[in-house]
Protein backbone atom coordinates (compact mmCIF):
# COMPACT_ATOMS: atom_id res chain seq x y z
CA UNK A 1 18.70 -66.54 9.32
CA UNK A 2 17.98 -67.39 5.65
CA UNK A 3 14.76 -68.97 4.55
CA UNK A 4 14.72 -72.65 4.49
CA UNK A 5 12.40 -74.77 2.64
CA UNK A 6 12.98 -78.33 2.07
CA UNK A 7 13.55 -79.40 -1.61
CA UNK A 8 11.23 -82.14 -2.89
CA UNK A 9 13.03 -83.35 -5.83
CA UNK A 10 16.89 -83.98 -4.91
CA UNK A 11 17.50 -87.83 -4.86
CA UNK A 12 18.88 -89.42 -1.62
CA UNK A 13 18.95 -86.35 0.47
CA UNK A 14 17.31 -86.04 3.77
CA UNK A 15 15.89 -83.52 6.23
CA UNK A 16 16.30 -83.83 9.93
CA UNK A 17 12.94 -82.76 11.58
CA UNK A 18 12.01 -82.03 15.22
CA UNK A 19 8.76 -83.44 15.59
CA UNK A 20 6.07 -82.11 18.00
CA UNK A 21 2.59 -82.29 18.96
CA UNK A 22 -0.11 -79.97 19.24
CA UNK A 23 -3.63 -80.97 20.23
CA UNK A 24 -3.92 -84.25 17.92
CA UNK A 25 -1.67 -82.81 15.36
CA UNK A 26 1.94 -83.95 14.56
CA UNK A 27 4.42 -81.11 13.42
CA UNK A 28 8.03 -81.18 12.12
CA UNK A 29 10.50 -78.28 12.10
CA UNK A 30 13.75 -78.54 10.04
CA UNK A 31 16.36 -79.01 12.71
CA UNK A 32 18.44 -76.20 11.44
CA UNK A 33 15.67 -73.86 12.56
CA UNK A 34 15.80 -75.12 15.99
CA UNK A 35 18.04 -73.25 18.82
CA UNK A 36 17.05 -75.48 21.74
CA UNK A 37 14.26 -77.26 23.33
CA UNK A 38 13.82 -76.45 27.13
CA UNK A 39 11.36 -77.77 29.62
CA UNK A 40 8.37 -75.32 30.50
CA UNK A 41 9.25 -72.47 33.11
CA UNK A 42 7.78 -69.83 34.76
CA UNK A 43 6.42 -67.33 32.17
CA UNK A 44 6.13 -63.70 32.98
CA UNK A 45 2.89 -62.34 31.25
CA UNK A 46 3.15 -59.10 29.18
CA UNK A 47 0.59 -56.44 29.07
CA UNK A 48 -0.35 -55.21 25.17
CA UNK A 49 1.06 -58.46 23.99
CA UNK A 50 -1.18 -60.19 21.26
CA UNK A 51 -3.24 -63.01 22.83
CA UNK A 52 -1.09 -66.00 21.60
CA UNK A 53 1.90 -64.25 23.25
CA UNK A 54 2.16 -66.18 26.61
CA UNK A 55 5.02 -63.75 28.03
CA UNK A 56 8.55 -63.90 28.57
CA UNK A 57 11.31 -66.03 30.06
CA UNK A 58 14.87 -65.37 31.27
CA UNK A 59 16.93 -67.71 28.93
CA UNK A 60 20.47 -67.31 30.71
CA UNK A 61 20.11 -63.80 30.65
CA UNK A 62 18.21 -63.11 27.53
CA UNK A 63 14.60 -61.84 27.59
CA UNK A 64 12.91 -64.18 25.41
CA UNK A 65 9.24 -64.00 24.10
CA UNK A 66 7.12 -67.02 24.04
CA UNK A 67 4.00 -67.96 22.13
CA UNK A 68 1.39 -70.59 22.58
CA UNK A 69 1.66 -72.06 19.25
CA UNK A 70 -1.70 -73.76 19.39
CA UNK A 71 -3.34 -70.36 19.97
CA UNK A 72 -1.15 -68.90 17.19
CA UNK A 73 -2.82 -71.61 14.99
CA UNK A 74 -6.33 -71.51 16.28
CA UNK A 75 -6.03 -74.73 17.81
CA UNK A 76 -7.60 -75.58 21.46
CA UNK A 77 -4.54 -75.11 23.84
CA UNK A 78 -4.00 -78.44 25.73
CA UNK A 79 -3.45 -78.27 29.76
CA UNK A 80 0.37 -78.12 30.34
CA UNK A 81 2.16 -81.21 31.30
CA UNK A 82 5.31 -82.35 32.34
CA UNK A 83 5.80 -83.19 28.73
CA UNK A 84 5.05 -79.71 27.52
CA UNK A 85 8.11 -77.85 26.11
CA UNK A 86 9.26 -74.82 24.86
CA UNK A 87 11.05 -75.04 21.46
CA UNK A 88 13.71 -72.00 20.83
CA UNK A 89 13.79 -70.71 17.48
CA UNK A 90 15.07 -67.60 15.49
CA UNK A 91 12.26 -65.95 13.18
CA UNK A 92 13.36 -63.09 11.36
CA UNK A 93 16.53 -62.34 13.56
CA UNK A 94 14.57 -62.73 16.59
CA UNK A 95 14.51 -65.26 19.39
CA UNK A 96 10.99 -66.61 20.19
CA UNK A 97 10.04 -69.77 22.40
CA UNK A 98 7.30 -71.81 21.03
CA UNK A 99 5.05 -73.66 23.59
CA UNK A 100 4.20 -77.09 22.40
CA UNK A 101 2.39 -80.14 23.76
CA UNK A 102 5.39 -82.68 23.42
CA UNK A 103 8.48 -83.01 21.50
CA UNK A 104 8.78 -86.79 21.25
CA UNK A 105 11.46 -87.54 18.58
CA UNK A 106 13.92 -86.04 16.03
CA UNK A 107 13.81 -88.03 12.76
CA UNK A 108 15.33 -88.06 9.32
CA UNK A 109 13.03 -87.97 6.28
CA UNK A 110 13.88 -88.52 2.65
CA UNK A 111 13.10 -85.37 0.67
CA UNK A 112 11.44 -87.12 -2.12
CA UNK A 113 8.75 -88.42 0.66
CA UNK A 114 7.94 -84.45 1.42
CA UNK A 115 5.14 -83.40 -0.90
CA UNK A 116 4.31 -79.55 -1.54
CA UNK A 117 1.39 -78.35 0.59
CA UNK A 118 -1.72 -79.52 -0.78
CA UNK A 119 -4.51 -76.99 -2.09
CA UNK A 120 -6.85 -78.40 0.20
CA UNK A 121 -5.45 -79.34 3.65
CA UNK A 122 -7.23 -81.37 6.31
CA UNK A 123 -4.97 -79.75 9.06
CA UNK A 124 -6.78 -76.76 11.01
CA UNK A 125 -3.26 -74.98 10.66
CA UNK A 126 -3.36 -72.17 8.07
CA UNK A 127 -1.66 -73.30 4.80
CA UNK A 128 0.95 -70.02 5.02
CA UNK A 129 2.62 -71.75 7.94
CA UNK A 130 3.51 -74.88 6.00
CA UNK A 131 6.21 -75.84 3.62
CA UNK A 132 5.04 -79.27 2.95
CA UNK A 133 3.67 -82.69 4.37
CA UNK A 134 5.90 -85.49 5.18
CA UNK A 135 4.80 -88.96 4.02
CA UNK A 136 6.12 -91.64 6.90
CA UNK A 137 4.72 -95.23 7.02
CA UNK A 138 1.53 -94.70 9.07
CA UNK A 139 1.28 -91.17 9.41
CA UNK A 140 1.64 -87.45 7.82
CA UNK A 141 3.92 -84.84 9.27
CA UNK A 142 3.04 -81.23 8.79
CA UNK A 143 6.39 -79.37 8.02
CA UNK A 144 6.08 -75.92 9.32
CA UNK A 145 7.80 -72.81 7.83
CA UNK A 146 8.98 -71.31 11.09
CA UNK A 147 9.62 -67.78 9.34
CA UNK A 148 6.31 -67.42 8.52
CA UNK A 149 4.75 -68.13 12.00
CA UNK A 150 4.99 -64.21 12.94
CA UNK A 151 4.37 -61.68 10.57
CA UNK A 152 6.53 -58.52 10.54
CA UNK A 153 3.46 -56.80 12.40
CA UNK A 154 3.38 -59.35 15.03
CA UNK A 155 6.93 -59.06 15.53
CA UNK A 156 6.67 -55.29 16.06
CA UNK A 157 3.75 -55.93 18.36
CA UNK A 158 5.90 -58.46 20.43
CA UNK A 159 8.65 -55.95 20.61
CA UNK A 160 6.45 -53.33 21.85
CA UNK A 161 5.54 -55.63 24.81
CA UNK A 162 8.92 -56.78 25.74
CA UNK A 163 10.59 -54.74 28.41
CA UNK A 164 13.02 -52.14 27.30
CA UNK A 165 16.59 -52.92 28.19
């Protein structure tokens, strides 16, 4: 999968984003980076996995590692509810599920409404995970760089924890 970063200077173009919530923060992922969104299901925990890896699920015959995105970002995880979802994405050729509190909408935002990540960020999320900040009428949307959520070392640890086929 190629790295995708919204361009901020193209006139008239829009980016379609999957909007999700973690704690009190709102985030967006470029829809082209999202394979699917599923309801929470039973997650089998894996020994030796990093603490933010909840375990694995069986997604139509494919074993997929699932991470708690709030834990990954150092946010306090919320209790799971019927609104909780798993966003299935591809990260560096690995299929990964991201547990989020809610996926309330998919929206389009003009590229000229996306600013580069500011040097000082009010979000609690590390700046390496962020490609920009979308400005909506009454709110800001933190746009994530899904390819930076897991480092190569993290992916190696996840691979070691997954059951061997």
